[in-house]
Amino acid sequence: MEVDGIWLRLIWLDYRLAVIVSVFIPLVLIIWSAFKRVDAINRLLIIYWRVASLLVVTVYLLIPGWSLAFFTGFAARCLIPISLWFWVDLNDEIKDLPPSPLKLATTTWRWAITIFSCFAILVNIPFLSCGLNGIGGAESFCQVWLQPPLHYKAWFHANSNTGFLGFLGIVGLVAYVMYFLSFLIFRLGRQGRSALDH
């Protein structure tokens, strides 16, 4: 039971940090960059939000306890730091910006979320087996991941059916996969590591 308690505290810590590092800070940065009209940072953050939307999909898949969420959550943690450092042109443009509080905040956040994502990947690795074996018949080791999404449901979707929320997650996942495949097939080969049209 003590081991489950440790995992539960670690998972709640992961969710709390994710809200700060993955939602609040980039939201402030994108508003700030739009207000200051710093195009490179704004484009980087638009790309970030597209990629990070897989975290929202994961929460909606976890609400009904669908094991697919363990794989989408793991994929999101891997894709987020890649999306922030992959673009050669944006990296160069941000590096060449004159020193400013916005540039410093963006650079600090990029490193912070990269380190956080690496930590989250390590936390998620033991739970990939839950994605293969399912949550329903699994021991509480897998069940601990359901508590934060169920609290989210209680706060924002108290009267909604869990199956319907899971369905919204599936719809979001299908849209995400289609967009990602279109990027891989049509844009990546043509544009390489340039974020020009993103």
C-alpha atoms as a PDB file:
ATOM      1  CA  MET A   1       0.000   0.000   0.000  1.00  0.00           C
ATOM      2  CA  GLU A   2       2.888   2.315   0.810  1.00  0.00           C
ATOM      3  CA  VAL A   3       4.311   1.781  -2.685  1.00  0.00           C
ATOM      4  CA  ASP A   4       0.930   2.726  -4.203  1.00  0.00           C
ATOM      5  CA  GLY A   5       0.899   5.823  -1.983  1.00  0.00           C
ATOM      6  CA  ILE A   6       4.321   6.860  -3.291  1.00  0.00           C
ATOM      7  CA  TRP A   7       3.176   6.366  -6.909  1.00  0.00           C
ATOM      8  CA  LEU A   8      -0.007   8.330  -6.217  1.00  0.00           C
ATOM      9  CA  ARG A   9       1.948  11.274  -4.788  1.00  0.00           C
ATOM     10  CA  LEU A  10       4.354  11.146  -7.734  1.00  0.00           C
ATOM     11  CA  ILE A  11       1.483  11.119 -10.235  1.00  0.00           C
ATOM     12  CA  TRP A  12      -0.289  14.025  -8.523  1.00  0.00           C
ATOM     13  CA  LEU A  13       3.028  15.917  -8.570  1.00  0.00           C
ATOM     14  CA  ASP A  14       3.332  15.137 -12.280  1.00  0.00           C
ATOM     15  CA  TYR A  15      -0.173  16.508 -12.966  1.00  0.00           C
ATOM     16  CA  ARG A  16       0.386  19.658 -10.902  1.00  0.00           C
ATOM     17  CA  LEU A  17       3.700  20.405 -12.570  1.00  0.00           C
ATOM     18  CA  ALA A  18       2.129  19.674 -15.965  1.00  0.00           C
ATOM     19  CA  VAL A  19      -0.586  22.277 -15.357  1.00  0.00           C
ATOM     20  CA  ILE A  20       2.050  24.895 -14.503  1.00  0.00           C
ATOM     21  CA  VAL A  21       4.736  24.030 -17.068  1.00  0.00           C
ATOM     22  CA  SER A  22       2.553  22.728 -19.903  1.00  0.00           C
ATOM     23  CA  VAL A  23      -0.480  25.021 -19.655  1.00  0.00           C
ATOM     24  CA  PHE A  24      -0.084  28.225 -17.614  1.00  0.00           C
ATOM     25  CA  ILE A  25       3.438  29.264 -18.591  1.00  0.00           C
ATOM     26  CA  PRO A  26       3.060  28.651 -22.368  1.00  0.00           C
ATOM     27  CA  LEU A  27      -0.322  30.414 -22.264  1.00  0.00           C
ATOM     28  CA  VAL A  28       1.322  33.484 -20.720  1.00  0.00           C
ATOM     29  CA  LEU A  29       4.192  33.262 -23.223  1.00  0.00           C
ATOM     30  CA  ILE A  30       1.972  33.044 -26.312  1.00  0.00           C
ATOM     31  CA  ILE A  31      -0.093  36.046 -25.184  1.00  0.00           C
ATOM     32  CA  TRP A  32       3.104  37.943 -24.355  1.00  0.00           C
ATOM     33  CA  SER A  33       4.751  37.098 -27.697  1.00  0.00           C
ATOM     34  CA  ALA A  34       1.594  38.092 -29.608  1.00  0.00           C
ATOM     35  CA  PHE A  35       1.421  41.390 -27.707  1.00  0.00           C
ATOM     36  CA  LYS A  36       5.132  42.088 -28.338  1.00  0.00           C
ATOM     37  CA  ARG A  37       4.845  40.813 -31.943  1.00  0.00           C
ATOM     38  CA  VAL A  38       7.802  38.440 -31.649  1.00  0.00           C
ATOM     39  CA  ASP A  39       6.982  36.149 -34.563  1.00  0.00           C
ATOM     40  CA  ALA A  40       9.576  33.428 -33.934  1.00  0.00           C
ATOM     41  CA  ILE A  41       8.449  32.814 -30.349  1.00  0.00           C
ATOM     42  CA  ASN A  42       4.806  33.012 -31.378  1.00  0.00           C
ATOM     43  CA  ARG A  43       5.284  30.384 -34.112  1.00  0.00           C
ATOM     44  CA  LEU A  44       7.188  28.123 -31.720  1.00  0.00           C
ATOM     45  CA  LEU A  45       4.357  28.311 -29.208  1.00  0.00           C
ATOM     46  CA  ILE A  46       1.684  27.629 -31.840  1.00  0.00           C
ATOM     47  CA  ILE A  47       3.598  24.469 -32.778  1.00  0.00           C
ATOM     48  CA  TYR A  48       3.899  23.603 -29.091  1.00  0.00           C
ATOM     49  CA  TRP A  49       0.139  23.914 -28.507  1.00  0.00           C
ATOM     50  CA  ARG A  50      -0.604  21.693 -31.501  1.00  0.00           C
ATOM     51  CA  VAL A  51       1.691  18.987 -30.170  1.00  0.00           C
ATOM     52  CA  ALA A  52       0.707  19.388 -26.504  1.00  0.00           C
ATOM     53  CA  SER A  53      -2.975  18.925 -27.334  1.00  0.00           C
ATOM     54  CA  LEU A  54      -2.223  15.188 -27.107  1.00  0.00           C
ATOM     55  CA  LEU A  55      -2.034  15.673 -23.312  1.00  0.00           C
ATOM     56  CA  VAL A  56      -5.654  16.861 -23.321  1.00  0.00           C
ATOM     57  CA  VAL A  57      -6.631  13.850 -25.432  1.00  0.00           C
ATOM     58  CA  THR A  58      -4.892  11.637 -22.862  1.00  0.00           C
ATOM     59  CA  VAL A  59      -6.896  13.104 -19.972  1.00  0.00           C
ATOM     60  CA  TYR A  60     -10.160  12.458 -21.815  1.00  0.00           C
ATOM     61  CA  LEU A  61      -9.120   8.877 -22.584  1.00  0.00           C
ATOM     62  CA  LEU A  62      -8.218   8.299 -18.927  1.00  0.00           C
ATOM     63  CA  ILE A  63     -11.588   9.529 -17.608  1.00  0.00           C
ATOM     64  CA  PRO A  64     -13.360   6.292 -18.675  1.00  0.00           C
ATOM     65  CA  GLY A  65     -10.180   4.307 -17.892  1.00  0.00           C
ATOM     66  CA  TRP A  66      -9.191   3.403 -21.441  1.00  0.00           C
ATOM     67  CA  SER A  67      -5.729   1.854 -21.509  1.00  0.00           C
ATOM     68  CA  LEU A  68      -4.843   3.547 -24.815  1.00  0.00           C
ATOM     69  CA  ALA A  69      -4.244   6.688 -22.726  1.00  0.00           C
ATOM     70  CA  PHE A  70      -0.989   5.254 -21.347  1.00  0.00           C
ATOM     71  CA  PHE A  71       0.470   5.241 -24.858  1.00  0.00           C
ATOM     72  CA  THR A  72      -0.878   8.666 -25.865  1.00  0.00           C
ATOM     73  CA  GLY A  73       0.462  10.211 -22.654  1.00  0.00           C
ATOM     74  CA  PHE A  74       3.874   8.665 -23.212  1.00  0.00           C
ATOM     75  CA  ALA A  75       3.898   9.824 -26.847  1.00  0.00           C
ATOM     76  CA  ALA A  76       2.957  13.378 -25.815  1.00  0.00           C
ATOM     77  CA  ARG A  77       5.840  13.532 -23.337  1.00  0.00           C
ATOM     78  CA  CYS A  78       8.253  12.409 -26.073  1.00  0.00           C
ATOM     79  CA  LEU A  79       6.890  14.721 -28.788  1.00  0.00           C
ATOM     80  CA  ILE A  80       6.748  17.941 -26.735  1.00  0.00           C
ATOM     81  CA  PRO A  81      10.515  18.479 -26.298  1.00  0.00           C
ATOM     82  CA  ILE A  82      11.125  17.390 -29.900  1.00  0.00           C
ATOM     83  CA  SER A  83       8.631  20.009 -31.118  1.00  0.00           C
ATOM     84  CA  LEU A  84      10.431  22.734 -29.164  1.00  0.00           C
ATOM     85  CA  TRP A  85      13.948  22.069 -30.467  1.00  0.00           C
ATOM     86  CA  PHE A  86      13.402  20.474 -33.899  1.00  0.00           C
ATOM     87  CA  TRP A  87      13.061  23.655 -35.981  1.00  0.00           C
ATOM     88  CA  VAL A  88      16.440  24.986 -37.147  1.00  0.00           C
ATOM     89  CA  ASP A  89      15.057  28.294 -38.410  1.00  0.00           C
ATOM     90  CA  LEU A  90      13.148  29.026 -35.183  1.00  0.00           C
ATOM     91  CA  ASN A  91      16.136  28.069 -33.046  1.00  0.00           C
ATOM     92  CA  ASP A  92      18.304  30.497 -35.028  1.00  0.00           C
ATOM     93  CA  GLU A  93      15.709  33.278 -34.982  1.00  0.00           C
ATOM     94  CA  ILE A  94      15.180  32.998 -31.227  1.00  0.00           C
ATOM     95  CA  LYS A  95      18.930  32.852 -30.612  1.00  0.00           C
ATOM     96  CA  ASP A  96      19.412  36.019 -32.692  1.00  0.00           C
ATOM     97  CA  LEU A  97      16.713  37.991 -30.875  1.00  0.00           C
ATOM     98  CA  PRO A  98      18.036  40.868 -28.770  1.00  0.00           C
ATOM     99  CA  PRO A  99      18.084  40.163 -25.029  1.00  0.00           C
ATOM    100  CA  SER A 100      14.684  40.728 -23.440  1.00  0.00           C
ATOM    101  CA  PRO A 101      12.577  39.363 -20.576  1.00  0.00           C
ATOM    102  CA  LEU A 102      10.408  37.487 -23.140  1.00  0.00           C
ATOM    103  CA  LYS A 103      13.417  35.803 -24.735  1.00  0.00           C
ATOM    104  CA  LEU A 104      14.790  34.835 -21.321  1.00  0.00           C
ATOM    105  CA  ALA A 105      11.402  33.518 -20.166  1.00  0.00           C
ATOM    106  CA  THR A 106      10.944  31.490 -23.363  1.00  0.00           C
ATOM    107  CA  THR A 107      14.431  29.985 -23.219  1.00  0.00           C
ATOM    108  CA  THR A 108      14.042  29.144 -19.529  1.00  0.00           C
ATOM    109  CA  TRP A 109      10.649  27.562 -20.168  1.00  0.00           C
ATOM    110  CA  ARG A 110      11.970  25.504 -23.111  1.00  0.00           C
ATOM    111  CA  TRP A 111      14.663  24.010 -20.896  1.00  0.00           C
ATOM    112  CA  ALA A 112      12.267  23.549 -17.962  1.00  0.00           C
ATOM    113  CA  ILE A 113       9.649  21.693 -19.997  1.00  0.00           C
ATOM    114  CA  THR A 114      12.342  19.593 -21.678  1.00  0.00           C
ATOM    115  CA  ILE A 115      13.686  18.483 -18.290  1.00  0.00           C
ATOM    116  CA  PHE A 116      10.145  17.977 -16.975  1.00  0.00           C
ATOM    117  CA  SER A 117       9.227  15.887 -20.025  1.00  0.00           C
ATOM    118  CA  CYS A 118      12.272  13.659 -19.484  1.00  0.00           C
ATOM    119  CA  PHE A 119      11.236  13.201 -15.845  1.00  0.00           C
ATOM    120  CA  ALA A 120       7.655  12.415 -16.932  1.00  0.00           C
ATOM    121  CA  ILE A 121       8.873   9.880 -19.519  1.00  0.00           C
ATOM    122  CA  LEU A 122      10.771   8.045 -16.768  1.00  0.00           C
ATOM    123  CA  VAL A 123       7.696   8.081 -14.507  1.00  0.00           C
ATOM    124  CA  ASN A 124       5.502   6.794 -17.354  1.00  0.00           C
ATOM    125  CA  ILE A 125       7.722   3.890 -18.466  1.00  0.00           C
ATOM    126  CA  PRO A 126       6.607   1.447 -15.722  1.00  0.00           C
ATOM    127  CA  PHE A 127       2.968   2.176 -16.582  1.00  0.00           C
ATOM    128  CA  LEU A 128       3.213   1.234 -20.259  1.00  0.00           C
ATOM    129  CA  SER A 129       2.379  -2.315 -19.162  1.00  0.00           C
ATOM    130  CA  CYS A 130      -1.007  -0.943 -18.032  1.00  0.00           C
ATOM    131  CA  GLY A 131      -1.635   0.068 -21.630  1.00  0.00           C
ATOM    132  CA  LEU A 132      -1.014  -3.512 -22.742  1.00  0.00           C
ATOM    133  CA  ASN A 133      -2.830  -5.302 -19.915  1.00  0.00           C
ATOM    134  CA  GLY A 134      -5.717  -2.873 -19.454  1.00  0.00           C
ATOM    135  CA  ILE A 135      -6.756  -0.859 -16.405  1.00  0.00           C
ATOM    136  CA  GLY A 136      -9.970  -2.677 -15.517  1.00  0.00           C
ATOM    137  CA  GLY A 137      -8.482  -5.858 -14.155  1.00  0.00           C
ATOM    138  CA  ALA A 138      -5.184  -4.317 -13.163  1.00  0.00           C
ATOM    139  CA  GLU A 139      -3.981  -3.830  -9.624  1.00  0.00           C
ATOM    140  CA  SER A 140      -4.048  -0.391  -8.036  1.00  0.00           C
ATOM    141  CA  PHE A 141      -0.623   0.224  -9.595  1.00  0.00           C
ATOM    142  CA  CYS A 142      -2.469   1.174 -12.805  1.00  0.00           C
ATOM    143  CA  GLN A 143      -5.537   2.636 -11.120  1.00  0.00           C
ATOM    144  CA  VAL A 144      -3.587   5.486  -9.515  1.00  0.00           C
ATOM    145  CA  TRP A 145      -3.440   7.288 -12.891  1.00  0.00           C
ATOM    146  CA  LEU A 146      -7.240   7.604 -12.931  1.00  0.00           C
ATOM    147  CA  GLN A 147      -7.607   9.827  -9.864  1.00  0.00           C
ATOM    148  CA  PRO A 148      -6.431  13.174 -11.336  1.00  0.00           C
ATOM    149  CA  PRO A 149      -8.541  12.822 -14.542  1.00  0.00           C
ATOM    150  CA  LEU A 150     -11.590  11.903 -12.439  1.00  0.00           C
ATOM    151  CA  HIS A 151     -11.032  15.025 -10.319  1.00  0.00           C
ATOM    152  CA  TYR A 152     -10.817  17.018 -13.568  1.00  0.00           C
ATOM    153  CA  LYS A 153     -14.139  15.464 -14.639  1.00  0.00           C
ATOM    154  CA  ALA A 154     -15.719  16.400 -11.310  1.00  0.00           C
ATOM    155  CA  TRP A 155     -14.588  20.014 -11.709  1.00  0.00           C
ATOM    156  CA  PHE A 156     -15.399  20.604 -15.392  1.00  0.00           C
ATOM    157  CA  HIS A 157     -17.778  17.825 -16.530  1.00  0.00           C
ATOM    158  CA  ALA A 158     -19.664  16.834 -13.388  1.00  0.00           C
ATOM    159  CA  ASN A 159     -22.857  15.887 -15.247  1.00  0.00           C
ATOM    160  CA  SER A 160     -21.229  14.303 -18.314  1.00  0.00           C
ATOM    161  CA  ASN A 161     -21.123  10.613 -19.104  1.00  0.00           C
ATOM    162  CA  THR A 162     -17.611   9.149 -18.855  1.00  0.00           C
ATOM    163  CA  GLY A 163     -18.115   7.139 -22.056  1.00  0.00           C
ATOM    164  CA  PHE A 164     -19.029  10.312 -23.946  1.00  0.00           C
ATOM    165  CA  LEU A 165     -15.923  12.088 -22.641  1.00  0.00           C
ATOM    166  CA  GLY A 166     -13.842   9.108 -23.735  1.00  0.00           C
ATOM    167  CA  PHE A 167     -15.481   9.334 -27.152  1.00  0.00           C
ATOM    168  CA  LEU A 168     -14.416  12.997 -27.352  1.00  0.00           C
ATOM    169  CA  GLY A 169     -10.903  11.806 -26.544  1.00  0.00           C
ATOM    170  CA  ILE A 170     -11.028   9.284 -29.400  1.00  0.00           C
ATOM    171  CA  VAL A 171     -12.277  11.950 -31.826  1.00  0.00           C
ATOM    172  CA  GLY A 172      -9.432  14.210 -30.715  1.00  0.00           C
ATOM    173  CA  LEU A 173      -6.939  11.373 -31.121  1.00  0.00           C
ATOM    174  CA  VAL A 174      -8.132  10.577 -34.661  1.00  0.00           C
ATOM    175  CA  ALA A 175      -7.811  14.263 -35.647  1.00  0.00           C
ATOM    176  CA  TYR A 176      -4.362  14.419 -34.021  1.00  0.00           C
ATOM    177  CA  VAL A 177      -3.098  11.285 -35.789  1.00  0.00           C
ATOM    178  CA  MET A 178      -4.428  12.484 -39.159  1.00  0.00           C
ATOM    179  CA  TYR A 179      -2.692  15.862 -38.753  1.00  0.00           C
ATOM    180  CA  PHE A 180       0.531  14.200 -37.598  1.00  0.00           C
ATOM    181  CA  LEU A 181       0.541  11.754 -40.536  1.00  0.00           C
ATOM    182  CA  SER A 182      -0.108  14.600 -42.950  1.00  0.00           C
ATOM    183  CA  PHE A 183       2.882  16.436 -41.457  1.00  0.00           C
ATOM    184  CA  LEU A 184       5.114  13.362 -41.777  1.00  0.00           C
ATOM    185  CA  ILE A 185       4.012  12.479 -45.310  1.00  0.00           C
ATOM    186  CA  PHE A 186       3.591  15.864 -46.978  1.00  0.00           C
ATOM    187  CA  ARG A 187       5.489  18.533 -45.011  1.00  0.00           C
ATOM    188  CA  LEU A 188       8.515  16.939 -43.403  1.00  0.00           C
ATOM    189  CA  GLY A 189      10.084  15.714 -46.648  1.00  0.00           C
ATOM    190  CA  ARG A 190       9.423  18.996 -48.419  1.00  0.00           C
ATOM    191  CA  GLN A 191      10.339  21.461 -45.670  1.00  0.00           C
ATOM    192  CA  GLY A 192      12.689  19.478 -43.478  1.00  0.00           C
ATOM    193  CA  ARG A 193      13.403  21.204 -40.191  1.00  0.00           C
ATOM    194  CA  SER A 194      11.974  24.534 -41.288  1.00  0.00           C
ATOM    195  CA  ALA A 195       8.896  25.814 -39.464  1.00  0.00           C
ATOM    196  CA  LEU A 196       8.047  28.270 -42.255  1.00  0.00           C
ATOM    197  CA  ASP A 197       4.478  27.068 -42.872  1.00  0.00           C
ATOM    198  CA  HIS A 198       3.615  25.991 -39.317  1.00  0.00           C
END
